Amino acid sequence: MSKVTIYTTPTCVYCKMTKAFFKEHNVAYEEKNVSIDAAARDEMIAKSNQMGVPVTDIDGQLTVGFDKERLSKLLHLK
């Protein structure tokens, strides 16, 4: 099973779409809310060199935004 972390904010539509995609495919993930967690925000910026959300880390491979094809590929979904 892949290690999945998603950096989000509560009002982000694409964050909600990504989490719904994970739920639909039964993907377990850790969510880090960068709007209230400064350490998570700094971690996300260090990894992705930008401040947009969502940032999804799947086994060290980053995806910025909701990219269904890339997420499916990284998670080996059909």
C-alpha atoms as a PDB file:
ATOM      1  CA  MET A   1       0.000   0.000   0.000  1.00  0.00           C
ATOM      2  CA  SER A   2       1.249   3.458  -0.917  1.00  0.00           C
ATOM      3  CA  LYS A   3       1.970   6.129   1.693  1.00  0.00           C
ATOM      4  CA  VAL A   4      -0.298   9.043   0.768  1.00  0.00           C
ATOM      5  CA  THR A   5      -0.239  12.518   2.307  1.00  0.00           C
ATOM      6  CA  ILE A   6      -2.402  15.377   1.071  1.00  0.00           C
ATOM      7  CA  TYR A   7      -1.811  19.010   2.014  1.00  0.00           C
ATOM      8  CA  THR A   8      -5.106  20.916   1.991  1.00  0.00           C
ATOM      9  CA  THR A   9      -7.124  23.917   3.086  1.00  0.00           C
ATOM     10  CA  PRO A  10     -10.801  23.688   4.124  1.00  0.00           C
ATOM     11  CA  THR A  11     -12.121  25.897   1.304  1.00  0.00           C
ATOM     12  CA  CYS A  12     -10.161  24.326  -1.570  1.00  0.00           C
ATOM     13  CA  VAL A  13     -12.471  22.755  -4.176  1.00  0.00           C
ATOM     14  CA  TYR A  14      -9.660  20.711  -5.730  1.00  0.00           C
ATOM     15  CA  CYS A  15      -8.694  19.387  -2.293  1.00  0.00           C
ATOM     16  CA  LYS A  16     -12.279  18.156  -1.849  1.00  0.00           C
ATOM     17  CA  MET A  17     -12.201  16.576  -5.321  1.00  0.00           C
ATOM     18  CA  THR A  18      -8.935  14.781  -4.528  1.00  0.00           C
ATOM     19  CA  LYS A  19     -10.275  13.454  -1.215  1.00  0.00           C
ATOM     20  CA  ALA A  20     -13.502  12.298  -2.917  1.00  0.00           C
ATOM     21  CA  PHE A  21     -11.379  10.489  -5.535  1.00  0.00           C
ATOM     22  CA  PHE A  22      -9.426   8.770  -2.748  1.00  0.00           C
ATOM     23  CA  LYS A  23     -12.655   7.780  -0.985  1.00  0.00           C
ATOM     24  CA  GLU A  24     -14.114   6.391  -4.226  1.00  0.00           C
ATOM     25  CA  HIS A  25     -11.029   4.189  -4.647  1.00  0.00           C
ATOM     26  CA  ASN A  26     -10.621   3.297  -0.944  1.00  0.00           C
ATOM     27  CA  VAL A  27      -7.240   5.028  -0.699  1.00  0.00           C
ATOM     28  CA  ALA A  28      -6.044   5.632   2.857  1.00  0.00           C
ATOM     29  CA  TYR A  29      -4.324   8.991   3.309  1.00  0.00           C
ATOM     30  CA  GLU A  30      -3.039  11.428   5.891  1.00  0.00           C
ATOM     31  CA  GLU A  31      -4.438  14.938   5.558  1.00  0.00           C
ATOM     32  CA  LYS A  32      -2.481  18.003   6.650  1.00  0.00           C
ATOM     33  CA  ASN A  33      -4.417  21.275   6.834  1.00  0.00           C
ATOM     34  CA  VAL A  34      -1.867  23.943   5.909  1.00  0.00           C
ATOM     35  CA  SER A  35      -4.209  26.787   6.865  1.00  0.00           C
ATOM     36  CA  ILE A  36      -3.817  25.980  10.579  1.00  0.00           C
ATOM     37  CA  ASP A  37      -0.632  23.872  10.700  1.00  0.00           C
ATOM     38  CA  ALA A  38       2.429  26.050  10.074  1.00  0.00           C
ATOM     39  CA  ALA A  39       4.816  23.089  10.214  1.00  0.00           C
ATOM     40  CA  ALA A  40       2.781  21.248   7.559  1.00  0.00           C
ATOM     41  CA  ARG A  41       2.689  24.405   5.419  1.00  0.00           C
ATOM     42  CA  ASP A  42       6.482  24.768   5.649  1.00  0.00           C
ATOM     43  CA  GLU A  43       6.880  21.052   4.834  1.00  0.00           C
ATOM     44  CA  MET A  44       4.619  21.393   1.771  1.00  0.00           C
ATOM     45  CA  ILE A  45       6.495  24.459   0.506  1.00  0.00           C
ATOM     46  CA  ALA A  46       9.857  22.751   1.027  1.00  0.00           C
ATOM     47  CA  LYS A  47       8.677  19.716  -0.958  1.00  0.00           C
ATOM     48  CA  SER A  48       6.824  21.482  -3.778  1.00  0.00           C
ATOM     49  CA  ASN A  49       8.494  24.935  -3.948  1.00  0.00           C
ATOM     50  CA  GLN A  50       5.061  26.592  -4.139  1.00  0.00           C
ATOM     51  CA  MET A  51       2.024  27.431  -1.995  1.00  0.00           C
ATOM     52  CA  GLY A  52      -0.922  26.088  -4.016  1.00  0.00           C
ATOM     53  CA  VAL A  53      -3.079  23.240  -2.721  1.00  0.00           C
ATOM     54  CA  PRO A  54      -3.735  20.421  -2.899  1.00  0.00           C
ATOM     55  CA  VAL A  55      -0.284  18.916  -2.910  1.00  0.00           C
ATOM     56  CA  THR A  56      -0.423  15.131  -2.807  1.00  0.00           C
ATOM     57  CA  ASP A  57       2.651  13.106  -1.861  1.00  0.00           C
ATOM     58  CA  ILE A  58       2.415   9.462  -2.934  1.00  0.00           C
ATOM     59  CA  ASP A  59       5.556   7.581  -1.911  1.00  0.00           C
ATOM     60  CA  GLY A  60       7.644  10.718  -2.499  1.00  0.00           C
ATOM     61  CA  GLN A  61       6.069  11.583  -5.871  1.00  0.00           C
ATOM     62  CA  LEU A  62       4.283  14.949  -5.793  1.00  0.00           C
ATOM     63  CA  THR A  63       1.127  16.005  -7.590  1.00  0.00           C
ATOM     64  CA  VAL A  64      -0.024  19.626  -7.426  1.00  0.00           C
ATOM     65  CA  GLY A  65      -3.733  20.168  -7.975  1.00  0.00           C
ATOM     66  CA  PHE A  66      -6.269  17.492  -8.869  1.00  0.00           C
ATOM     67  CA  ASP A  67      -4.716  15.412 -11.643  1.00  0.00           C
ATOM     68  CA  LYS A  68      -6.854  12.277 -11.818  1.00  0.00           C
ATOM     69  CA  GLU A  69      -4.670  10.555 -14.417  1.00  0.00           C
ATOM     70  CA  ARG A  70      -1.434  11.097 -12.494  1.00  0.00           C
ATOM     71  CA  LEU A  71      -2.986  10.084  -9.171  1.00  0.00           C
ATOM     72  CA  SER A  72      -4.390   6.922 -10.773  1.00  0.00           C
ATOM     73  CA  LYS A  73      -0.988   6.087 -12.245  1.00  0.00           C
ATOM     74  CA  LEU A  74       0.891   6.658  -8.993  1.00  0.00           C
ATOM     75  CA  LEU A  75      -1.666   4.596  -7.058  1.00  0.00           C
ATOM     76  CA  HIS A  76      -1.735   1.846  -9.720  1.00  0.00           C
ATOM     77  CA  LEU A  77      -5.497   2.228 -10.188  1.00  0.00           C
ATOM     78  CA  LYS A  78      -7.273   1.032 -13.327  1.00  0.00           C
END
